Protein backbone atom coordinates (compact mmCIF):
# COMPACT_ATOMS: atom_id res chain seq x y z
CA UNK A 1 0.00 0.00 0.00
CA UNK A 2 1.46 3.32 -1.05
CA UNK A 3 1.97 6.04 1.49
CA UNK A 4 -0.43 8.97 1.25
CA UNK A 5 0.25 12.63 1.91
CA UNK A 6 -1.90 12.38 5.02
CA UNK A 7 0.30 9.61 6.46
CA UNK A 8 3.47 11.41 5.41
CA UNK A 9 2.29 14.53 7.25
CA UNK A 10 1.48 12.47 10.34
CA UNK A 11 4.99 10.95 10.28
CA UNK A 12 6.51 14.40 9.84
CA UNK A 13 4.64 15.78 12.85
CA UNK A 14 5.78 12.83 14.97
CA UNK A 15 9.36 13.40 13.83
CA UNK A 16 9.06 16.95 15.16
CA UNK A 17 8.03 15.56 18.57
CA UNK A 18 4.46 16.82 18.26
CA UNK A 19 2.34 15.02 20.85
CA UNK A 20 -0.67 17.37 21.00
CA UNK A 21 -2.56 19.13 18.24
CA UNK A 22 -5.17 21.68 19.27
CA UNK A 23 -8.04 21.76 16.84
CA UNK A 24 -11.69 22.18 15.93
CA UNK A 25 -12.78 19.48 13.45
CA UNK A 26 -13.35 20.43 9.83
CA UNK A 27 -14.04 18.57 6.62
CA UNK A 28 -11.18 20.26 4.79
CA UNK A 29 -8.54 18.14 6.57
CA UNK A 30 -10.29 14.81 7.15
CA UNK A 31 -7.49 13.04 5.31
CA UNK A 32 -5.03 14.21 7.98
CA UNK A 33 -7.15 13.34 11.01
CA UNK A 34 -7.81 9.93 9.45
CA UNK A 35 -4.07 9.34 9.18
CA UNK A 36 -3.53 10.53 12.74
CA UNK A 37 -5.89 7.83 14.04
CA UNK A 38 -3.00 5.47 13.32
CA UNK A 39 -0.56 7.66 15.26
CA UNK A 40 -1.14 7.07 18.99
CA UNK A 41 1.84 9.35 19.74
CA UNK A 42 -0.26 12.38 18.78
CA UNK A 43 -3.29 13.47 20.79
CA UNK A 44 -5.94 15.49 18.98
CA UNK A 45 -7.37 17.91 21.53
CA UNK A 46 -10.83 18.80 20.26
CA UNK A 47 -11.69 22.33 21.37
CA UNK A 48 -14.91 24.35 21.27
CA UNK A 49 -13.82 27.36 19.22
CA UNK A 50 -10.83 28.06 17.02
CA UNK A 51 -10.00 31.17 19.05
CA UNK A 52 -9.71 29.03 22.17
CA UNK A 53 -7.81 26.31 20.33
CA UNK A 54 -5.37 28.91 19.01
CA UNK A 55 -4.67 30.35 22.45
CA UNK A 56 -4.12 26.79 23.72
CA UNK A 57 -1.58 26.09 20.98
CA UNK A 58 0.25 29.36 21.75
CA UNK A 59 0.36 28.50 25.46
CA UNK A 60 1.46 24.95 24.72
CA UNK A 61 4.49 26.23 22.85
CA UNK A 62 5.40 28.42 25.83
CA UNK A 63 4.95 25.45 28.19
CA UNK A 64 7.44 23.42 26.12
CA UNK A 65 10.31 25.83 26.36
CA UNK A 66 9.64 27.66 23.13
CA UNK A 67 8.90 24.74 20.85
CA UNK A 68 6.11 25.55 18.45
CA UNK A 69 2.60 24.60 19.46
CA UNK A 70 0.45 23.15 16.69
CA UNK A 71 -3.01 24.40 15.69
CA UNK A 72 -5.21 22.60 13.16
CA UNK A 73 -8.13 24.57 11.71
CA UNK A 74 -10.43 24.39 8.75
CA UNK A 75 -10.51 26.89 5.93
CA UNK A 76 -12.42 30.17 5.85
CA UNK A 77 -14.42 30.65 9.06
CA UNK A 78 -12.17 28.26 10.99
CA UNK A 79 -9.00 30.18 10.28
CA UNK A 80 -10.78 33.51 10.67
CA UNK A 81 -11.86 32.50 14.16
CA UNK A 82 -8.25 31.63 15.00
CA UNK A 83 -6.81 34.95 13.82
CA UNK A 84 -6.66 36.35 17.36
CA UNK A 85 -4.16 33.65 18.30
CA UNK A 86 -2.01 34.27 15.22
CA UNK A 87 -2.03 38.00 15.99
CA UNK A 88 -0.96 37.21 19.56
CA UNK A 89 1.82 34.85 18.50
CA UNK A 90 3.14 37.29 15.91
CA UNK A 91 3.37 40.27 18.28
CA UNK A 92 4.49 38.09 21.16
CA UNK A 93 7.27 36.38 19.18
CA UNK A 94 5.84 32.99 20.13
CA UNK A 95 6.43 29.99 17.82
CA UNK A 96 3.26 28.49 16.36
CA UNK A 97 2.62 26.17 13.42
CA UNK A 98 -0.88 26.49 11.96
CA UNK A 99 -2.15 23.74 9.69
CA UNK A 100 -5.11 24.98 7.66
CA UNK A 101 -7.34 23.18 5.19
CA UNK A 102 -8.06 24.63 1.78
CA UNK A 103 -10.50 23.95 -1.06
CA UNK A 104 -9.62 21.31 -3.63
CA UNK A 105 -6.93 22.36 -6.06
CA UNK A 106 -9.20 22.06 -9.08
CA UNK A 107 -11.42 24.78 -7.59
CA UNK A 108 -8.73 27.38 -6.90
CA UNK A 109 -9.84 30.86 -7.96
CA UNK A 110 -13.52 30.00 -8.36
CA UNK A 111 -14.60 31.43 -5.00
CA UNK A 112 -15.43 27.92 -3.87
CA UNK A 113 -17.01 27.37 -0.47
CA UNK A 114 -14.86 29.07 2.19
CA UNK A 115 -12.03 29.72 -0.27
CA UNK A 116 -9.56 32.49 0.54
CA UNK A 117 -6.14 33.53 -0.66
CA UNK A 118 -4.27 32.78 2.54
CA UNK A 119 -0.99 34.30 1.42
CA UNK A 120 -2.82 37.64 1.27
CA UNK A 121 -5.06 37.02 4.27
CA UNK A 122 -2.23 36.07 6.64
CA UNK A 123 0.55 38.27 5.30
CA UNK A 124 0.56 40.63 8.28
CA UNK A 125 0.25 38.10 11.12
CA UNK A 126 2.61 35.28 10.11
CA UNK A 127 6.28 34.88 9.35
CA UNK A 128 5.41 32.84 6.28
CA UNK A 129 2.52 31.12 4.51
CA UNK A 130 3.50 27.82 2.90
CA UNK A 131 1.00 26.51 0.36
CA UNK A 132 1.34 22.79 -0.31
CA UNK A 133 0.04 22.12 -3.81
CA UNK A 134 2.42 19.29 -4.74
CA UNK A 135 2.35 16.03 -2.74
CA UNK A 136 6.13 15.76 -2.88
CA UNK A 137 6.51 18.98 -0.89
CA UNK A 138 4.20 18.14 2.02
CA UNK A 139 6.83 16.85 4.45
CA UNK A 140 9.30 19.52 3.40
CA UNK A 141 6.66 22.15 4.22
CA UNK A 142 6.34 20.82 7.78
CA UNK A 143 10.10 20.90 8.33
CA UNK A 144 10.31 24.44 6.94
CA UNK A 145 7.36 25.63 9.05
CA UNK A 146 8.87 24.46 12.34
CA UNK A 147 12.27 25.84 11.42
CA UNK A 148 10.89 29.29 10.58
CA UNK A 149 8.50 29.40 13.53
CA UNK A 150 11.23 28.67 16.07
CA UNK A 151 14.16 30.62 14.57
CA UNK A 152 15.28 34.21 15.00
CA UNK A 153 12.28 36.27 16.04
CA UNK A 154 9.90 33.38 16.69
CA UNK A 155 6.34 33.56 15.42
CA UNK A 156 3.47 31.82 13.60
CA UNK A 157 3.89 30.00 10.30
CA UNK A 158 0.88 28.73 8.35
CA UNK A 159 0.85 25.61 6.19
CA UNK A 160 -2.07 25.54 3.74
CA UNK A 161 -3.27 22.06 2.76
CA UNK A 162 -5.84 21.55 -0.03
CA UNK A 163 -8.58 19.07 0.85
CA UNK A 164 -7.80 16.73 -2.03
CA UNK A 165 -4.08 16.39 -1.39
CA UNK A 166 -4.21 14.10 1.68
CA UNK A 167 -5.12 10.95 -0.26
CA UNK A 168 -2.54 11.53 -2.98
CA UNK A 169 0.36 9.04 -3.06
CA UNK A 170 3.61 10.41 -1.64
CA UNK A 171 6.52 8.11 -2.41
CA UNK A 172 9.17 10.54 -1.18
CA UNK A 173 11.41 10.46 1.88
CA UNK A 174 10.23 12.29 4.97
CA UNK A 175 11.99 15.62 5.46
CA UNK A 176 13.90 15.45 8.74
CA UNK A 177 13.62 18.19 11.42
CA UNK A 178 16.12 20.96 10.92
CA UNK A 179 18.48 21.94 13.75
CA UNK A 180 17.80 25.33 15.23
CA UNK A 181 20.39 27.96 14.35
CA UNK A 182 21.53 30.42 17.00
CA UNK A 183 23.08 33.79 16.30
CA UNK A 184 26.21 34.77 18.17
CA UNK A 185 27.58 38.03 19.46
CA UNK A 186 30.80 39.46 18.06
CA UNK A 187 33.65 39.54 20.56
CA UNK A 188 34.15 43.27 20.07
CA UNK A 189 30.46 43.91 20.84
CA UNK A 190 30.71 41.93 24.06
CA UNK A 191 33.83 43.92 24.97
CA UNK A 192 31.95 47.14 24.38
CA UNK A 193 28.95 45.99 26.41
CA UNK A 194 31.19 45.06 29.34
CA UNK A 195 32.91 48.44 29.12
CA UNK A 196 29.60 50.31 29.02
CA UNK A 197 28.27 48.39 32.03
CA UNK A 198 31.47 48.95 33.98
CA UNK A 199 31.36 52.71 33.34
CA UNK A 200 27.66 53.18 34.10
CA UNK A 201 26.67 54.72 37.43
CA UNK A 202 22.96 53.95 37.05
CA UNK A 203 22.44 51.08 34.57
CA UNK A 204 19.09 49.39 34.17
CA UNK A 205 18.55 45.85 32.87
CA UNK A 206 15.24 44.86 31.29
CA UNK A 207 14.60 41.11 31.06
CA UNK A 208 12.10 40.46 28.28
CA UNK A 209 10.37 38.08 25.93
CA UNK A 210 13.38 36.31 24.44
CA UNK A 211 14.01 34.99 27.96
CA UNK A 212 10.39 33.90 28.45
CA UNK A 213 11.28 30.26 27.87
CA UNK A 214 14.69 30.39 29.51
CA UNK A 215 15.83 27.46 31.62
CA UNK A 216 16.10 27.69 35.38
CA UNK A 217 19.87 27.61 34.89
CA UNK A 218 19.75 30.72 32.71
CA UNK A 219 17.52 32.59 35.15
CA UNK A 220 19.87 31.64 37.98
CA UNK A 221 22.74 33.05 35.91
CA UNK A 222 20.78 36.26 35.41
CA UNK A 223 20.42 36.51 39.19
CA UNK A 224 24.16 35.93 39.61
CA UNK A 225 24.90 38.62 37.03
CA UNK A 226 22.71 41.09 38.93
CA UNK A 227 24.40 40.26 42.22
CA UNK A 228 28.02 40.22 41.01
CA UNK A 229 27.79 43.23 38.73
CA UNK A 230 25.40 45.09 41.11
CA UNK A 231 22.65 45.64 38.56
CA UNK A 232 18.91 46.24 38.94
CA UNK A 233 16.78 43.87 36.85
CA UNK A 234 13.25 44.68 35.73
CA UNK A 235 11.07 42.05 34.06
CA UNK A 236 9.04 43.54 31.24
CA UNK A 237 5.36 43.46 30.37
CA UNK A 238 3.78 40.03 30.98
CA UNK A 239 7.16 38.47 31.93
CA UNK A 240 7.06 38.80 35.75
CA UNK A 241 8.53 35.35 36.39
CA UNK A 242 11.95 36.16 34.95
CA UNK A 243 13.35 37.62 38.18
CA UNK A 244 12.46 37.00 41.81
CA UNK A 245 10.30 39.91 42.94
CA UNK A 246 11.62 39.52 46.51
CA UNK A 247 15.28 39.79 45.46
CA UNK A 248 17.09 43.00 46.55
CA UNK A 249 18.23 43.59 42.95
CA UNK A 250 14.65 43.62 41.62
CA UNK A 251 14.33 47.03 39.95
CA UNK A 252 10.56 47.18 39.54
CA UNK A 253 8.12 45.69 37.06
CA UNK A 254 8.31 47.33 33.63
CA UNK A 255 4.74 46.70 32.56
CA UNK A 256 2.13 48.86 30.93
CA UNK A 257 1.58 52.25 32.64
CA UNK A 258 4.33 52.02 35.25
CA UNK A 259 3.59 54.12 38.40
CA UNK A 260 4.95 57.62 38.05
CA UNK A 261 7.44 57.56 40.93
CA UNK A 262 9.02 54.32 39.69
CA UNK A 263 9.35 55.38 36.07
CA UNK A 264 10.64 58.79 37.16
CA UNK A 265 13.43 57.08 39.08
CA UNK A 266 14.14 54.74 36.16
CA UNK A 267 14.55 57.74 33.88
CA UNK A 268 17.60 58.72 35.92
CA UNK A 269 19.40 55.73 34.40
CA UNK A 270 22.51 56.41 32.35
CA UNK A 271 22.41 53.09 30.47
CA UNK A 272 19.55 50.82 29.45
CA UNK A 273 20.21 47.20 28.45
CA UNK A 274 17.17 45.56 26.87
CA UNK A 275 18.11 41.93 27.43
CA UNK A 276 15.83 39.93 25.17
CA UNK A 277 13.25 42.71 25.01
CA UNK A 278 11.67 43.80 21.74
CA UNK A 279 10.67 47.18 23.26
CA UNK A 280 7.06 47.74 22.29
CA UNK A 281 4.91 50.77 23.04
CA UNK A 282 3.64 49.04 26.20
CA UNK A 283 7.12 48.52 27.64
CA UNK A 284 8.45 51.90 26.51
CA UNK A 285 5.48 53.74 28.05
CA UNK A 286 4.16 54.83 24.65
CA UNK A 287 7.67 55.35 23.29
CA UNK A 288 8.56 57.85 26.01
CA UNK A 289 11.18 55.71 27.82
CA UNK A 290 13.18 55.14 25.79
CA UNK A 291 12.02 57.81 23.39
CA UNK A 292 11.61 56.78 19.76
CA UNK A 293 13.38 56.89 17.45
CA UNK A 294 16.28 58.47 19.37
CA UNK A 295 16.50 57.33 23.00
CA UNK A 296 17.30 59.85 25.72
CA UNK A 297 20.01 57.52 27.10
CA UNK A 298 22.39 54.94 25.63
CA UNK A 299 20.37 51.87 24.66
CA UNK A 300 21.78 48.37 24.22
CA UNK A 301 19.42 45.84 22.68
CA UNK A 302 20.07 42.10 22.79
CA UNK A 303 17.69 40.10 20.59
CA UNK A 304 18.13 36.86 18.58
CA UNK A 305 17.32 38.51 15.26
CA UNK A 306 19.40 41.31 13.73
CA UNK A 307 16.43 42.49 11.68
CA UNK A 308 14.57 43.47 14.85
CA UNK A 309 17.39 45.48 16.42
CA UNK A 310 17.26 49.11 15.35
CA UNK A 311 13.92 48.68 13.60
CA UNK A 312 12.33 51.30 15.89
CA UNK A 313 15.12 52.65 18.09
CA UNK A 314 18.52 54.04 17.22
CA UNK A 315 20.53 51.79 19.52
CA UNK A 316 23.99 52.59 20.84
CA UNK A 317 24.82 48.90 20.61
CA UNK A 318 22.90 46.02 19.08
CA UNK A 319 23.76 42.38 19.72
CA UNK A 320 22.02 39.76 17.61
CA UNK A 321 22.31 36.79 19.95
CA UNK A 322 20.43 34.71 22.46
CA UNK A 323 20.39 36.72 25.71
CA UNK A 324 21.33 33.60 27.68
CA UNK A 325 24.66 33.47 25.84
CA UNK A 326 25.35 37.13 26.61
CA UNK A 327 24.58 36.56 30.30
CA UNK A 328 27.00 33.63 30.46
CA UNK A 329 29.74 35.57 28.69
CA UNK A 330 29.50 38.49 31.10
CA UNK A 331 29.65 36.12 34.07
CA UNK A 332 32.80 34.49 32.71
CA UNK A 333 34.45 37.88 32.30
CA UNK A 334 33.83 38.75 35.92
CA UNK A 335 32.39 41.89 37.48
CA UNK A 336 34.24 45.21 37.32
CA UNK A 337 36.20 46.16 40.41
CA UNK A 338 34.04 49.22 41.04
CA UNK A 339 30.65 47.54 40.71
CA UNK A 340 29.74 48.39 44.31
CA UNK A 341 29.38 52.05 43.32
CA UNK A 342 25.90 51.19 42.04
CA UNK A 343 24.57 49.76 45.29
CA UNK A 344 22.69 52.93 46.23
CA UNK A 345 21.04 53.06 42.80
CA UNK A 346 19.93 49.43 43.05
CA UNK A 347 18.70 49.84 46.62
CA UNK A 348 16.71 52.95 45.74
CA UNK A 349 14.86 51.30 42.87
CA UNK A 350 14.15 48.22 44.97
CA UNK A 351 12.75 50.36 47.80
CA UNK A 352 10.22 51.94 45.42
CA UNK A 353 9.29 48.48 44.14
CA UNK A 354 8.74 47.15 47.66
CA UNK A 355 6.60 50.13 48.59
CA UNK A 356 4.45 49.67 45.50
CA UNK A 357 4.09 45.92 46.21
CA UNK A 358 2.96 46.45 49.80
CA UNK A 359 -0.30 44.53 50.46
CA UNK A 360 -2.35 47.65 51.18
CA UNK A 361 -5.79 48.42 49.79
CA UNK A 362 -9.06 50.06 50.72
CA UNK A 363 -12.43 48.35 51.02
CA UNK A 364 -14.86 49.49 48.37
CA UNK A 365 -18.60 50.18 48.85
CA UNK A 366 -19.67 48.61 45.54
CA UNK A 367 -17.88 45.25 45.63
CA UNK A 368 -14.69 43.41 46.49
CA UNK A 369 -11.42 45.23 45.93
CA UNK A 370 -9.68 42.68 43.68
CA UNK A 371 -6.45 43.41 45.55
CA UNK A 372 -7.72 41.29 48.45
CA UNK A 373 -8.22 38.31 46.14
CA UNK A 374 -4.79 38.60 44.50
CA UNK A 375 -2.99 38.89 47.84
CA UNK A 376 -4.76 35.77 49.07
CA UNK A 377 -4.05 33.81 45.89
CA UNK A 378 -0.38 34.72 46.19
CA UNK A 379 -0.29 32.78 49.47
CA UNK A 380 -1.43 29.59 47.69
CA UNK A 381 0.69 29.67 44.52
CA UNK A 382 3.13 26.79 44.26
CA UNK A 383 6.78 27.44 43.31
CA UNK A 384 6.02 25.94 39.88
CA UNK A 385 2.54 27.40 39.43
CA UNK A 386 1.34 28.42 35.98
CA UNK A 387 -0.66 31.65 35.93
CA UNK A 388 -2.54 32.89 32.89
CA UNK A 389 -4.12 36.28 32.53
CA UNK A 390 -6.69 37.67 30.20
CA UNK A 391 -6.47 41.30 29.11
CA UNK A 392 -8.06 43.98 31.26
CA UNK A 393 -7.53 46.34 34.17
CA UNK A 394 -8.04 43.47 36.61
CA UNK A 395 -4.60 42.21 35.57
CA UNK A 396 -2.95 45.25 37.14
CA UNK A 397 -3.86 43.79 40.54
CA UNK A 398 -1.97 40.60 39.65
CA UNK A 399 1.24 42.45 38.93
CA UNK A 400 0.94 44.77 41.89
CA UNK A 401 -0.01 42.24 44.56
CA UNK A 402 1.46 38.88 43.51
CA UNK A 403 5.21 38.41 43.71
CA UNK A 404 6.40 36.06 40.98
CA UNK A 405 9.65 34.15 40.85
CA UNK A 406 11.62 31.87 38.49
CA UNK A 407 10.13 28.40 38.31
CA UNK A 408 6.66 29.78 37.84
CA UNK A 409 5.22 30.41 34.40
CA UNK A 410 3.12 33.37 33.28
CA UNK A 411 1.00 33.00 30.15
CA UNK A 412 -0.84 35.83 28.49
CA UNK A 413 -1.30 37.78 25.30
CA UNK A 414 1.29 40.54 25.31
CA UNK A 415 -0.66 42.25 22.55
CA UNK A 416 -3.64 42.56 24.92
CA UNK A 417 -6.07 40.18 23.22
CA UNK A 418 -9.09 39.32 25.35
CA UNK A 419 -10.02 35.67 25.69
CA UNK A 420 -6.59 34.20 26.37
CA UNK A 421 -6.96 33.49 30.09
CA UNK A 422 -9.15 30.37 30.22
CA UNK A 423 -7.77 28.45 27.20
CA UNK A 424 -4.15 29.12 28.18
CA UNK A 425 -4.79 27.74 31.68
CA UNK A 426 -6.59 24.73 30.19
CA UNK A 427 -3.59 24.05 27.92
CA UNK A 428 -1.18 24.36 30.86
CA UNK A 429 -3.26 21.95 32.92
CA UNK A 430 -3.35 19.39 30.09
CA UNK A 431 0.34 19.78 29.29
CA UNK A 432 1.39 19.37 32.95
CA UNK A 433 -1.24 17.37 34.86
CA UNK A 434 -1.16 18.01 38.58
CA UNK A 435 0.63 21.33 38.27
CA UNK A 436 -1.26 24.39 39.51
CA UNK A 437 -2.85 26.30 36.63
CA UNK A 438 -4.63 29.51 37.63
CA UNK A 439 -6.45 31.73 35.14
CA UNK A 440 -7.39 35.35 35.87
CA UNK A 441 -10.19 36.74 33.74
CA UNK A 442 -12.51 39.68 33.60
CA UNK A 443 -16.21 39.16 33.04
CA UNK A 444 -15.83 40.25 29.43
CA UNK A 445 -13.02 37.88 28.47
CA UNK A 446 -14.48 34.99 30.46
CA UNK A 447 -17.48 34.75 28.15
CA UNK A 448 -15.38 35.06 25.00
CA UNK A 449 -13.57 31.72 25.39
CA UNK A 450 -14.75 30.41 28.75
CA UNK A 451 -16.54 27.56 27.00
CA UNK A 452 -13.15 25.86 26.83
CA UNK A 453 -13.90 24.67 30.36
CA UNK A 454 -15.68 21.92 28.43
CA UNK A 455 -12.34 20.98 26.86
CA UNK A 456 -10.77 20.80 30.33
CA UNK A 457 -13.59 18.53 31.49
CA UNK A 458 -13.24 16.28 28.44
CA UNK A 459 -9.50 15.70 28.89
CA UNK A 460 -9.14 15.88 32.68
CA UNK A 461 -7.79 19.41 33.06
CA UNK A 462 -8.10 21.09 36.46
CA UNK A 463 -7.54 24.85 36.06
CA UNK A 464 -8.67 27.33 38.71
CA UNK A 465 -10.47 30.19 36.96
CA UNK A 466 -10.76 33.48 38.86
CA UNK A 467 -13.34 35.82 37.31
CA UNK A 468 -13.35 39.49 38.29
CA UNK A 469 -16.91 40.60 37.59
CA UNK A 470 -17.53 44.35 37.74
CA UNK A 471 -20.30 44.09 35.12
CA UNK A 472 -18.54 46.16 32.49
CA UNK A 473 -15.61 46.38 30.14
CA UNK A 474 -13.68 48.14 32.87
CA UNK A 475 -10.54 49.08 30.96
CA UNK A 476 -12.57 50.85 28.29
CA UNK A 477 -14.57 52.62 30.99
CA UNK A 478 -11.34 53.92 32.48
CA UNK A 479 -10.15 55.22 29.12
CA UNK A 480 -13.51 56.95 28.61
CA UNK A 481 -13.14 58.69 31.95
CA UNK A 482 -9.56 59.77 31.25
CA UNK A 483 -10.19 61.09 27.74
CA UNK A 484 -13.66 62.54 28.26
CA UNK A 485 -13.95 63.49 31.94
CA UNK A 486 -17.39 64.14 33.40
CA UNK A 487 -19.07 62.56 30.39
CA UNK A 488 -21.44 59.55 30.71
CA UNK A 489 -20.12 56.29 29.29
CA UNK A 490 -21.95 53.47 31.09
CA UNK A 491 -24.07 52.49 28.09
CA UNK A 492 -20.90 51.96 26.07
CA UNK A 493 -19.30 49.48 28.49
CA UNK A 494 -21.89 47.84 30.76
CA UNK A 495 -22.50 44.08 30.74
CA UNK A 496 -25.24 41.75 31.95
CA UNK A 497 -23.60 38.60 33.28
CA UNK A 498 -24.69 35.18 34.51
CA UNK A 499 -23.91 33.83 37.93
CA UNK A 500 -20.47 32.55 36.98
CA UNK A 501 -20.36 30.02 39.83
CA UNK A 502 -23.58 28.43 38.50
CA UNK A 503 -22.20 28.73 34.96
CA UNK A 504 -19.13 26.76 35.99
CA UNK A 505 -21.24 24.08 37.68
CA UNK A 506 -23.16 23.50 34.46
CA UNK A 507 -19.88 22.36 32.87
CA UNK A 508 -19.14 20.11 35.85
CA UNK A 509 -16.69 22.48 37.52
CA UNK A 510 -16.71 23.53 41.16
CA UNK A 511 -18.42 26.91 41.51
CA UNK A 512 -17.51 29.40 44.24
CA UNK A 513 -18.90 32.90 44.82
CA UNK A 514 -17.11 35.71 46.66
CA UNK A 515 -19.32 38.71 47.37
CA UNK A 516 -17.39 40.43 50.18
CA UNK A 517 -13.84 40.65 51.49
CA UNK A 518 -14.92 38.58 54.47
CA UNK A 519 -15.41 35.64 52.09
CA UNK A 520 -12.07 35.93 50.32
CA UNK A 521 -9.84 33.82 52.56
CA UNK A 522 -12.21 30.85 52.81
CA UNK A 523 -13.28 31.04 49.17
CA UNK A 524 -9.72 30.99 47.81
CA UNK A 525 -8.69 28.21 50.19
CA UNK A 526 -11.64 26.15 49.01
CA UNK A 527 -10.71 26.73 45.37
CA UNK A 528 -7.14 25.53 45.82
CA UNK A 529 -8.30 22.49 47.79
CA UNK A 530 -10.14 21.07 44.75
CA UNK A 531 -7.83 18.78 42.76
CA UNK A 532 -10.10 16.64 40.59
CA UNK A 533 -11.94 19.13 38.36
CA UNK A 534 -11.88 22.75 37.20
CA UNK A 535 -12.90 25.51 39.61
CA UNK A 536 -14.66 28.76 38.78
CA UNK A 537 -14.40 31.51 41.40
CA UNK A 538 -16.90 34.31 40.77
CA UNK A 539 -15.63 37.48 42.45
CA UNK A 540 -18.13 40.34 42.59
CA UNK A 541 -15.59 43.13 42.24
CA UNK A 542 -15.72 46.87 42.63
CA UNK A 543 -16.18 49.04 39.57
CA UNK A 544 -15.14 52.09 41.55
CA UNK A 545 -11.66 50.61 42.03
CA UNK A 546 -10.92 50.74 38.31
CA UNK A 547 -7.42 49.27 38.52
CA UNK A 548 -4.73 48.56 41.07
CA UNK A 549 -3.57 52.15 40.66
CA UNK A 550 -6.73 54.16 40.03
CA UNK A 551 -10.14 54.79 41.55
CA UNK A 552 -12.99 56.34 39.62
CA UNK A 553 -12.64 60.10 39.63
CA UNK A 554 -9.21 59.96 41.30
CA UNK A 555 -5.97 61.49 40.08
CA UNK A 556 -3.83 59.08 38.07
CA UNK A 557 -0.80 57.69 39.87
CA UNK A 558 0.64 55.74 36.96
CA UNK A 559 2.37 57.01 33.86
C-alpha cells in the first residue's frame, strides 16, 4: 500500500516531537485526522472554538520551552476565528505552526465554499505562509514551518493544505527536522557591552520576551549577574517570572503604565540594556522611555534577530544573539572592580518596588477590591505554578499584589487580546497534569472563550479560573473617563452577566462565589483544595476601584 500525503504529514509531525494538536474538526482536513488515528503518539485535543484552540496552541508552545505549538483549523471561518491567536503569537514572538485546510486544487480561484487567498489574508500576522500544492513537498513544508516558527524572532507560520491532497500518493522520503540555528555576538560587541556596564553609574537591565522560555539555569545566571555586577533587573510586560520579585536587585516591574514615581526614578538611568526585550509601546510607556526613534540615554538591545534590532530605536549597541549566551559571557568575564558604586542606585529602585508591592488596599462600597483576592491567591501559589491572565484592568492587581519568581510560568497575550486566560490555563493543565494552573479573567473575556472549560472537562484538566466581575468592560470605561472626563459612558461598556459560579457548575466544575472581602480567605482556600476538576471563582468586584492604581474620579498615579 502506497503512502499517502496524510500519512506522510502524520509521520513528519511525529518526527518533530508533536504530541498534542489543538483543533476544531473540519471537513477540509479529514485526510489528515484519518491518518492521525493510526498515530497514537499524537493526541488530537478537540476544542470548542478556534480562538480558544489557538490560544491553547500558543500557550502549549510556551509550556514546552519555546517549541512551536500546533493548531489545526479548517478553511475560511475556521482560520478567521483563530486569527486572534495568530495576531498574539506574531506580536508576542511565540512559535506556532498552523495547519489549515483549503479547497480542492481544481477549484482554486472560483470562490469555492470558504475559499480564501491565505498568502494575502495572513501576510501581516505570520512569518510565512506555505501553500502545499504538490504532494512531494508536504513533508518539506512541515520541516520548513517548524524551522521558521522557532528561529530568530519566533512567530506563527501557516501551512495551507488543499482538501484533495491528503489521499494523494507520496513516495518521497520524509523531510527530517532541521536543527535550530543560534546567532552569536561578536567579541568586540561583548567587549563594548562590558565596558559600558562597567562605566555606568545607574544602569538598568530589562529582562524580556526572548528569555520567556529560559531554563532555570539561565535565570539563575541572570540573578548571579545582577548580584556580582550590582545591577537592577526589571522584568518587562507580561514576563514577571523572569526575576524574583523579593530579590534586593529587583528594579521594579516594567509593565504597561508604570507608576509615576518608579518610572521617574528609572529615567535617571545612564544606560539601558534591553536583554531579550523587543521594546514595544507598552514597555516603553508609549515610546517615552526610551524615546523613539532616538533614546534619551544609551540603549543596548540584545535580541536573537538582527532584523529586529534598530527597527524602531537608534541603539547605541545592538547584539544579535540569544540573551542567555550574553549573560554567560558576562559572568565568565567577571564583574568590574568598582561595581559596588551602584549599590545605592539598586537599593533605591528596589525600595520603590517594595513600597508599591505592599499589600495595602481600601475596602470598596460597591464590591470586592480585587487586591484582596490577588494577595490571598499569592499565598497559595506553588513554586512551579502556571498563571494565565486575560487582558483587562483586573490584571494590574496581579502584577501589583502577587510576587512572581523563576520556576513559575506566566502566560498571556502581550498584545492585549481578550479571551486568552481560560484556554491558556486549560492548555497548561493538560500539558502538565497536577501542576497548579490559575487563570485570571474579567467578566468580558471569560465569556469570550470560557466555553473551553468543556475541553478541560473532556480531557481531565483542572484549572482554577478566577473571574473578576464588575459588570462592564472596565478598561474601556477607564479610558472613557480619562479622555472625556465628566461625560457619561456606562451604556458603552456595561454588561449583563450570569452567575459565573452556576455557569461553571453547568460544565461540571466547582463553583464558588465571593461577594465580600470577608469571604475571600475561605473562598480561595476552598478553590485551591479542589484537585479533581476545574474551579470557577466568581468574584463580585468593585467598579469604583478601576485598577490597582486608580479609583474612579481619582488622580492618576501611573504614567
